[in-house]
Amino acid sequence: MLGGLLLSTAGQFFVESYGILTRGEYWRFQSQCLRRIRVLSPKALVRDSIDDLRKAFRDRDGERATRIALELYGIDAARMDTALGH
């Protein structure tokens, strides 16, 4: 589930919020940053959503992962784009 989350724009938001942008324009994201990500409790989620997020990760389908993650977190796609500066 975490892989699908990190593949989504919600995951990108976490990386950009907690990571460090290096001089080479790459994000440095260490294990302590991963611990800060607010992952929703699997017990509170619909099993199908978890399975869909996992499948999106396996298929490397960022669009589907984003759609599912934003729905799970209750975030509007336009608002996420604004937060990421798109």
PDB file of N, CA and C in Angstrom:
ATOM      1  N   MET A   1       0.820  -1.187   0.000  1.00  0.00           N
ATOM      2  CA  MET A   1       0.000   0.000   0.000  1.00  0.00           C
ATOM      3  C   MET A   1       0.873   1.264   0.000  1.00  0.00           C
ATOM      4  N   LEU A   2       1.976   1.232   0.762  1.00  0.00           N
ATOM      5  CA  LEU A   2       2.855   2.399   0.823  1.00  0.00           C
ATOM      6  C   LEU A   2       3.461   2.700  -0.543  1.00  0.00           C
ATOM      7  N   GLY A   3       3.789   1.650  -1.303  1.00  0.00           N
ATOM      8  CA  GLY A   3       4.349   1.854  -2.634  1.00  0.00           C
ATOM      9  C   GLY A   3       3.389   2.606  -3.539  1.00  0.00           C
ATOM     10  N   GLY A   4       2.115   2.217  -3.511  1.00  0.00           N
ATOM     11  CA  GLY A   4       1.109   2.910  -4.310  1.00  0.00           C
ATOM     12  C   GLY A   4       0.933   4.346  -3.874  1.00  0.00           C
ATOM     13  N   LEU A   5       0.981   4.560  -2.583  1.00  0.00           N
ATOM     14  CA  LEU A   5       0.860   5.923  -2.055  1.00  0.00           C
ATOM     15  C   LEU A   5       2.027   6.791  -2.523  1.00  0.00           C
ATOM     16  N   LEU A   6       3.236   6.255  -2.449  1.00  0.00           N
ATOM     17  CA  LEU A   6       4.410   7.030  -2.860  1.00  0.00           C
ATOM     18  C   LEU A   6       4.450   7.263  -4.366  1.00  0.00           C
ATOM     19  N   LEU A   7       3.780   6.401  -5.131  1.00  0.00           N
ATOM     20  CA  LEU A   7       3.710   6.569  -6.583  1.00  0.00           C
ATOM     21  C   LEU A   7       2.754   7.697  -6.973  1.00  0.00           C
ATOM     22  N   SER A   8       1.842   8.033  -6.098  1.00  0.00           N
ATOM     23  CA  SER A   8       0.808   9.036  -6.386  1.00  0.00           C
ATOM     24  C   SER A   8       1.314  10.458  -6.149  1.00  0.00           C
ATOM     25  N   THR A   9       0.515  11.429  -6.575  1.00  0.00           N
ATOM     26  CA  THR A   9       0.879  12.824  -6.305  1.00  0.00           C
ATOM     27  C   THR A   9       0.788  13.134  -4.810  1.00  0.00           C
ATOM     28  N   ALA A  10      -0.043  12.386  -4.091  1.00  0.00           N
ATOM     29  CA  ALA A  10      -0.089  12.562  -2.632  1.00  0.00           C
ATOM     30  C   ALA A  10       1.270  12.176  -2.042  1.00  0.00           C
ATOM     31  N   GLY A  11       1.847  11.095  -2.550  1.00  0.00           N
ATOM     32  CA  GLY A  11       3.180  10.686  -2.125  1.00  0.00           C
ATOM     33  C   GLY A  11       4.227  11.715  -2.501  1.00  0.00           C
ATOM     34  N   GLN A  12       4.083  12.280  -3.701  1.00  0.00           N
ATOM     35  CA  GLN A  12       5.001  13.327  -4.143  1.00  0.00           C
ATOM     36  C   GLN A  12       4.921  14.525  -3.198  1.00  0.00           C
ATOM     37  N   PHE A  13       3.717  14.852  -2.757  1.00  0.00           N
ATOM     38  CA  PHE A  13       3.532  15.956  -1.818  1.00  0.00           C
ATOM     39  C   PHE A  13       4.279  15.683  -0.508  1.00  0.00           C
ATOM     40  N   PHE A  14       4.174  14.433  -0.012  1.00  0.00           N
ATOM     41  CA  PHE A  14       4.903  14.074   1.211  1.00  0.00           C
ATOM     42  C   PHE A  14       6.408  14.202   1.002  1.00  0.00           C
ATOM     43  N   VAL A  15       6.897  13.699  -0.134  1.00  0.00           N
ATOM     44  CA  VAL A  15       8.329  13.763  -0.426  1.00  0.00           C
ATOM     45  C   VAL A  15       8.802  15.214  -0.476  1.00  0.00           C
ATOM     46  N   GLU A  16       8.056  16.057  -1.175  1.00  0.00           N
ATOM     47  CA  GLU A  16       8.449  17.454  -1.290  1.00  0.00           C
ATOM     48  C   GLU A  16       8.302  18.210   0.022  1.00  0.00           C
ATOM     49  N   SER A  17       7.396  17.758   0.876  1.00  0.00           N
ATOM     50  CA  SER A  17       7.211  18.423   2.171  1.00  0.00           C
ATOM     51  C   SER A  17       8.288  18.034   3.174  1.00  0.00           C
ATOM     52  N   TYR A  18       8.687  16.768   3.171  1.00  0.00           N
ATOM     53  CA  TYR A  18       9.614  16.267   4.180  1.00  0.00           C
ATOM     54  C   TYR A  18      11.035  16.082   3.668  1.00  0.00           C
ATOM     55  N   GLY A  19      11.214  15.952   2.362  1.00  0.00           N
ATOM     56  CA  GLY A  19      12.539  15.700   1.802  1.00  0.00           C
ATOM     57  C   GLY A  19      13.335  16.975   1.617  1.00  0.00           C
ATOM     58  N   ILE A  20      14.547  16.791   1.139  1.00  0.00           N
ATOM     59  CA  ILE A  20      15.454  17.909   0.892  1.00  0.00           C
ATOM     60  C   ILE A  20      15.814  17.897  -0.586  1.00  0.00           C
ATOM     61  N   LEU A  21      15.663  19.035  -1.244  1.00  0.00           N
ATOM     62  CA  LEU A  21      16.033  19.155  -2.645  1.00  0.00           C
ATOM     63  C   LEU A  21      17.533  19.421  -2.715  1.00  0.00           C
ATOM     64  N   THR A  22      18.262  18.518  -3.358  1.00  0.00           N
ATOM     65  CA  THR A  22      19.710  18.650  -3.430  1.00  0.00           C
ATOM     66  C   THR A  22      20.113  19.624  -4.532  1.00  0.00           C
ATOM     67  N   ARG A  23      21.377  19.931  -4.561  1.00  0.00           N
ATOM     68  CA  ARG A  23      21.904  20.853  -5.567  1.00  0.00           C
ATOM     69  C   ARG A  23      21.693  20.316  -6.982  1.00  0.00           C
ATOM     70  N   GLY A  24      21.671  18.998  -7.131  1.00  0.00           N
ATOM     71  CA  GLY A  24      21.464  18.380  -8.435  1.00  0.00           C
ATOM     72  C   GLY A  24      20.005  18.249  -8.820  1.00  0.00           C
ATOM     73  N   GLU A  25      19.118  18.906  -8.069  1.00  0.00           N
ATOM     74  CA  GLU A  25      17.679  18.900  -8.333  1.00  0.00           C
ATOM     75  C   GLU A  25      17.031  17.543  -8.104  1.00  0.00           C
ATOM     76  N   TYR A  26      17.600  16.730  -7.200  1.00  0.00           N
ATOM     77  CA  TYR A  26      17.012  15.457  -6.812  1.00  0.00           C
ATOM     78  C   TYR A  26      16.516  15.579  -5.380  1.00  0.00           C
ATOM     79  N   TRP A  27      15.453  14.826  -5.070  1.00  0.00           N
ATOM     80  CA  TRP A  27      14.930  14.845  -3.713  1.00  0.00           C
ATOM     81  C   TRP A  27      15.646  13.792  -2.886  1.00  0.00           C
ATOM     82  N   ARG A  28      16.212  14.199  -1.767  1.00  0.00           N
ATOM     83  CA  ARG A  28      16.803  13.265  -0.815  1.00  0.00           C
ATOM     84  C   ARG A  28      15.736  12.988   0.233  1.00  0.00           C
ATOM     85  N   PHE A  29      15.428  11.731   0.368  1.00  0.00           N
ATOM     86  CA  PHE A  29      14.321  11.327   1.222  1.00  0.00           C
ATOM     87  C   PHE A  29      14.784  10.143   2.044  1.00  0.00           C
ATOM     88  N   GLN A  30      15.020  10.343   3.310  1.00  0.00           N
ATOM     89  CA  GLN A  30      15.580   9.313   4.169  1.00  0.00           C
ATOM     90  C   GLN A  30      14.497   8.598   4.970  1.00  0.00           C
ATOM     91  N   SER A  31      14.908   7.538   5.650  1.00  0.00           N
ATOM     92  CA  SER A  31      13.939   6.704   6.364  1.00  0.00           C
ATOM     93  C   SER A  31      13.151   7.486   7.416  1.00  0.00           C
ATOM     94  N   GLN A  32      13.779   8.455   8.064  1.00  0.00           N
ATOM     95  CA  GLN A  32      13.031   9.225   9.066  1.00  0.00           C
ATOM     96  C   GLN A  32      11.905  10.028   8.420  1.00  0.00           C
ATOM     97  N   CYS A  33      12.073  10.369   7.135  1.00  0.00           N
ATOM     98  CA  CYS A  33      11.006  11.062   6.409  1.00  0.00           C
ATOM     99  C   CYS A  33       9.835  10.117   6.168  1.00  0.00           C
ATOM    100  N   LEU A  34      10.133   8.867   5.850  1.00  0.00           N
ATOM    101  CA  LEU A  34       9.067   7.875   5.634  1.00  0.00           C
ATOM    102  C   LEU A  34       8.211   7.708   6.890  1.00  0.00           C
ATOM    103  N   ARG A  35       8.843   7.778   8.028  1.00  0.00           N
ATOM    104  CA  ARG A  35       8.100   7.608   9.283  1.00  0.00           C
ATOM    105  C   ARG A  35       7.122   8.753   9.545  1.00  0.00           C
ATOM    106  N   ARG A  36       7.329   9.882   8.903  1.00  0.00           N
ATOM    107  CA  ARG A  36       6.459  11.044   9.116  1.00  0.00           C
ATOM    108  C   ARG A  36       5.206  11.016   8.242  1.00  0.00           C
ATOM    109  N   ILE A  37       5.191  10.167   7.224  1.00  0.00           N
ATOM    110  CA  ILE A  37       4.038  10.100   6.319  1.00  0.00           C
ATOM    111  C   ILE A  37       2.831   9.555   7.084  1.00  0.00           C
ATOM    112  N   ARG A  38       1.730  10.238   6.950  1.00  0.00           N
ATOM    113  CA  ARG A  38       0.491   9.835   7.614  1.00  0.00           C
ATOM    114  C   ARG A  38      -0.237   8.812   6.738  1.00  0.00           C
ATOM    115  N   VAL A  39       0.015   7.545   7.027  1.00  0.00           N
ATOM    116  CA  VAL A  39      -0.631   6.471   6.281  1.00  0.00           C
ATOM    117  C   VAL A  39      -1.939   6.133   6.987  1.00  0.00           C
ATOM    118  N   LEU A  40      -2.986   6.044   6.208  1.00  0.00           N
ATOM    119  CA  LEU A  40      -4.293   5.717   6.764  1.00  0.00           C
ATOM    120  C   LEU A  40      -4.295   4.288   7.287  1.00  0.00           C
ATOM    121  N   SER A  41      -5.029   4.046   8.338  1.00  0.00           N
ATOM    122  CA  SER A  41      -5.115   2.715   8.923  1.00  0.00           C
ATOM    123  C   SER A  41      -5.814   1.760   7.956  1.00  0.00           C
ATOM    124  N   PRO A  42      -5.182   0.633   7.636  1.00  0.00           N
ATOM    125  CA  PRO A  42      -5.827  -0.333   6.737  1.00  0.00           C
ATOM    126  C   PRO A  42      -7.176  -0.826   7.264  1.00  0.00           C
ATOM    127  N   LYS A  43      -7.350  -0.828   8.577  1.00  0.00           N
ATOM    128  CA  LYS A  43      -8.622  -1.274   9.167  1.00  0.00           C
ATOM    129  C   LYS A  43      -9.757  -0.313   8.843  1.00  0.00           C
ATOM    130  N   ALA A  44      -9.419   0.951   8.585  1.00  0.00           N
ATOM    131  CA  ALA A  44     -10.435   1.967   8.310  1.00  0.00           C
ATOM    132  C   ALA A  44     -10.757   2.067   6.822  1.00  0.00           C
ATOM    133  N   LEU A  45     -10.037   1.312   5.989  1.00  0.00           N
ATOM    134  CA  LEU A  45     -10.209   1.422   4.540  1.00  0.00           C
ATOM    135  C   LEU A  45     -10.969   0.241   3.968  1.00  0.00           C
ATOM    136  N   VAL A  46     -11.570   0.469   2.831  1.00  0.00           N
ATOM    137  CA  VAL A  46     -12.248  -0.598   2.112  1.00  0.00           C
ATOM    138  C   VAL A  46     -11.168  -1.482   1.484  1.00  0.00           C
ATOM    139  N   ARG A  47     -11.303  -2.783   1.628  1.00  0.00           N
ATOM    140  CA  ARG A  47     -10.295  -3.732   1.141  1.00  0.00           C
ATOM    141  C   ARG A  47     -10.008  -3.531  -0.358  1.00  0.00           C
ATOM    142  N   ASP A  48     -11.046  -3.234  -1.132  1.00  0.00           N
ATOM    143  CA  ASP A  48     -10.863  -3.035  -2.572  1.00  0.00           C
ATOM    144  C   ASP A  48      -9.928  -1.868  -2.859  1.00  0.00           C
ATOM    145  N   SER A  49     -10.006  -0.811  -2.071  1.00  0.00           N
ATOM    146  CA  SER A  49      -9.135   0.353  -2.269  1.00  0.00           C
ATOM    147  C   SER A  49      -7.678  -0.012  -2.014  1.00  0.00           C
ATOM    148  N   ILE A  50      -7.436  -0.789  -0.993  1.00  0.00           N
ATOM    149  CA  ILE A  50      -6.078  -1.227  -0.683  1.00  0.00           C
ATOM    150  C   ILE A  50      -5.536  -2.089  -1.818  1.00  0.00           C
ATOM    151  N   ASP A  51      -6.348  -3.036  -2.274  1.00  0.00           N
ATOM    152  CA  ASP A  51      -5.935  -3.916  -3.366  1.00  0.00           C
ATOM    153  C   ASP A  51      -5.693  -3.124  -4.651  1.00  0.00           C
ATOM    154  N   ASP A  52      -6.546  -2.141  -4.933  1.00  0.00           N
ATOM    155  CA  ASP A  52      -6.372  -1.308  -6.129  1.00  0.00           C
ATOM    156  C   ASP A  52      -5.086  -0.493  -6.050  1.00  0.00           C
ATOM    157  N   LEU A  53      -4.773   0.015  -4.878  1.00  0.00           N
ATOM    158  CA  LEU A  53      -3.547   0.795  -4.700  1.00  0.00           C
ATOM    159  C   LEU A  53      -2.318  -0.097  -4.888  1.00  0.00           C
ATOM    160  N   ARG A  54      -2.373  -1.298  -4.366  1.00  0.00           N
ATOM    161  CA  ARG A  54      -1.274  -2.251  -4.557  1.00  0.00           C
ATOM    162  C   ARG A  54      -1.106  -2.611  -6.029  1.00  0.00           C
ATOM    163  N   LYS A  55      -2.221  -2.826  -6.706  1.00  0.00           N
ATOM    164  CA  LYS A  55      -2.169  -3.181  -8.128  1.00  0.00           C
ATOM    165  C   LYS A  55      -1.612  -2.013  -8.947  1.00  0.00           C
ATOM    166  N   ALA A  56      -2.012  -0.802  -8.614  1.00  0.00           N
ATOM    167  CA  ALA A  56      -1.483   0.376  -9.310  1.00  0.00           C
ATOM    168  C   ALA A  56       0.031   0.442  -9.147  1.00  0.00           C
ATOM    169  N   PHE A  57       0.528   0.105  -7.963  1.00  0.00           N
ATOM    170  CA  PHE A  57       1.972   0.111  -7.735  1.00  0.00           C
ATOM    171  C   PHE A  57       2.652  -0.969  -8.568  1.00  0.00           C
ATOM    172  N   ARG A  58       2.095  -2.166  -8.557  1.00  0.00           N
ATOM    173  CA  ARG A  58       2.685  -3.260  -9.343  1.00  0.00           C
ATOM    174  C   ARG A  58       2.728  -2.925 -10.825  1.00  0.00           C
ATOM    175  N   ASP A  59       1.668  -2.258 -11.312  1.00  0.00           N
ATOM    176  CA  ASP A  59       1.586  -1.885 -12.730  1.00  0.00           C
ATOM    177  C   ASP A  59       2.312  -0.576 -13.043  1.00  0.00           C
ATOM    178  N   ARG A  60       2.840   0.093 -11.998  1.00  0.00           N
ATOM    179  CA  ARG A  60       3.490   1.406 -12.124  1.00  0.00           C
ATOM    180  C   ARG A  60       2.553   2.420 -12.788  1.00  0.00           C
ATOM    181  N   ASP A  61       1.293   2.358 -12.369  1.00  0.00           N
ATOM    182  CA  ASP A  61       0.250   3.238 -12.907  1.00  0.00           C
ATOM    183  C   ASP A  61       0.048   4.405 -11.942  1.00  0.00           C
ATOM    184  N   GLY A  62       0.823   5.471 -12.151  1.00  0.00           N
ATOM    185  CA  GLY A  62       0.771   6.632 -11.274  1.00  0.00           C
ATOM    186  C   GLY A  62      -0.555   7.349 -11.295  1.00  0.00           C
ATOM    187  N   GLU A  63      -1.205   7.372 -12.450  1.00  0.00           N
ATOM    188  CA  GLU A  63      -2.506   8.040 -12.558  1.00  0.00           C
ATOM    189  C   GLU A  63      -3.553   7.357 -11.688  1.00  0.00           C
ATOM    190  N   ARG A  64      -3.600   6.040 -11.771  1.00  0.00           N
ATOM    191  CA  ARG A  64      -4.570   5.292 -10.959  1.00  0.00           C
ATOM    192  C   ARG A  64      -4.220   5.398  -9.477  1.00  0.00           C
ATOM    193  N   ALA A  65      -2.934   5.309  -9.143  1.00  0.00           N
ATOM    194  CA  ALA A  65      -2.507   5.441  -7.750  1.00  0.00           C
ATOM    195  C   ALA A  65      -2.910   6.800  -7.196  1.00  0.00           C
ATOM    196  N   THR A  66      -2.751   7.840  -8.014  1.00  0.00           N
ATOM    197  CA  THR A  66      -3.131   9.189  -7.590  1.00  0.00           C
ATOM    198  C   THR A  66      -4.621   9.281  -7.353  1.00  0.00           C
ATOM    199  N   ARG A  67      -5.410   8.773  -8.279  1.00  0.00           N
ATOM    200  CA  ARG A  67      -6.867   8.825  -8.149  1.00  0.00           C
ATOM    201  C   ARG A  67      -7.319   8.132  -6.857  1.00  0.00           C
ATOM    202  N   ILE A  68      -6.763   6.957  -6.580  1.00  0.00           N
ATOM    203  CA  ILE A  68      -7.154   6.191  -5.384  1.00  0.00           C
ATOM    204  C   ILE A  68      -6.682   6.897  -4.119  1.00  0.00           C
ATOM    205  N   ALA A  69      -5.415   7.347  -4.102  1.00  0.00           N
ATOM    206  CA  ALA A  69      -4.862   7.995  -2.904  1.00  0.00           C
ATOM    207  C   ALA A  69      -5.617   9.273  -2.561  1.00  0.00           C
ATOM    208  N   LEU A  70      -5.900  10.088  -3.574  1.00  0.00           N
ATOM    209  CA  LEU A  70      -6.626  11.331  -3.307  1.00  0.00           C
ATOM    210  C   LEU A  70      -8.026  11.049  -2.782  1.00  0.00           C
ATOM    211  N   GLU A  71      -8.655  10.018  -3.316  1.00  0.00           N
ATOM    212  CA  GLU A  71      -9.986   9.631  -2.828  1.00  0.00           C
ATOM    213  C   GLU A  71      -9.913   9.168  -1.374  1.00  0.00           C
ATOM    214  N   LEU A  72      -8.903   8.352  -1.050  1.00  0.00           N
ATOM    215  CA  LEU A  72      -8.758   7.844   0.321  1.00  0.00           C
ATOM    216  C   LEU A  72      -8.495   8.970   1.322  1.00  0.00           C
ATOM    217  N   TYR A  73      -7.685   9.947   0.924  1.00  0.00           N
ATOM    218  CA  TYR A  73      -7.373  11.060   1.804  1.00  0.00           C
ATOM    219  C   TYR A  73      -8.424  12.169   1.743  1.00  0.00           C
ATOM    220  N   GLY A  74      -9.356  12.082   0.792  1.00  0.00           N
ATOM    221  CA  GLY A  74     -10.390  13.108   0.674  1.00  0.00           C
ATOM    222  C   GLY A  74      -9.848  14.433   0.166  1.00  0.00           C
ATOM    223  N   ILE A  75      -8.896  14.360  -0.764  1.00  0.00           N
ATOM    224  CA  ILE A  75      -8.260  15.561  -1.302  1.00  0.00           C
ATOM    225  C   ILE A  75      -8.724  15.776  -2.737  1.00  0.00           C
ATOM    226  N   ASP A  76      -9.058  17.012  -3.058  1.00  0.00           N
ATOM    227  CA  ASP A  76      -9.453  17.379  -4.406  1.00  0.00           C
ATOM    228  C   ASP A  76      -8.204  17.432  -5.298  1.00  0.00           C
ATOM    229  N   ALA A  77      -8.285  16.863  -6.509  1.00  0.00           N
ATOM    230  CA  ALA A  77      -7.139  16.810  -7.425  1.00  0.00           C
ATOM    231  C   ALA A  77      -6.622  18.201  -7.774  1.00  0.00           C
ATOM    232  N   ALA A  78      -7.517  19.151  -7.979  1.00  0.00           N
ATOM    233  CA  ALA A  78      -7.089  20.519  -8.316  1.00  0.00           C
ATOM    234  C   ALA A  78      -6.332  21.145  -7.144  1.00  0.00           C
ATOM    235  N   ARG A  79      -6.777  20.880  -5.947  1.00  0.00           N
ATOM    236  CA  ARG A  79      -6.104  21.418  -4.754  1.00  0.00           C
ATOM    237  C   ARG A  79      -4.702  20.809  -4.606  1.00  0.00           C
ATOM    238  N   MET A  80      -4.578  19.519  -4.918  1.00  0.00           N
ATOM    239  CA  MET A  80      -3.267  18.868  -4.842  1.00  0.00           C
ATOM    240  C   MET A  80      -2.330  19.467  -5.889  1.00  0.00           C
ATOM    241  N   ASP A  81      -2.821  19.701  -7.095  1.00  0.00           N
ATOM    242  CA  ASP A  81      -2.005  20.335  -8.134  1.00  0.00           C
ATOM    243  C   ASP A  81      -1.527  21.705  -7.689  1.00  0.00           C
ATOM    244  N   THR A  82      -2.403  22.444  -7.048  1.00  0.00           N
ATOM    245  CA  THR A  82      -2.038  23.769  -6.546  1.00  0.00           C
ATOM    246  C   THR A  82      -0.953  23.652  -5.470  1.00  0.00           C
ATOM    247  N   ALA A  83      -1.111  22.690  -4.569  1.00  0.00           N
ATOM    248  CA  ALA A  83      -0.138  22.510  -3.500  1.00  0.00           C
ATOM    249  C   ALA A  83       1.239  22.127  -4.045  1.00  0.00           C
ATOM    250  N   LEU A  84       1.247  21.379  -5.172  1.00  0.00           N
ATOM    251  CA  LEU A  84       2.508  20.970  -5.774  1.00  0.00           C
ATOM    252  C   LEU A  84       3.046  22.011  -6.748  1.00  0.00           C
ATOM    253  N   GLY A  85       2.284  23.075  -6.972  1.00  0.00           N
ATOM    254  CA  GLY A  85       2.736  24.136  -7.849  1.00  0.00           C
ATOM    255  C   GLY A  85       2.581  23.824  -9.322  1.00  0.00           C
ATOM    256  N   HIS A  86       1.629  22.966  -9.677  1.00  0.00           N
ATOM    257  CA  HIS A  86       1.405  22.609 -11.088  1.00  0.00           C
ATOM    258  C   HIS A  86       0.396  23.530 -11.723  1.00  0.00           C
TER     259      HIS A  86
END
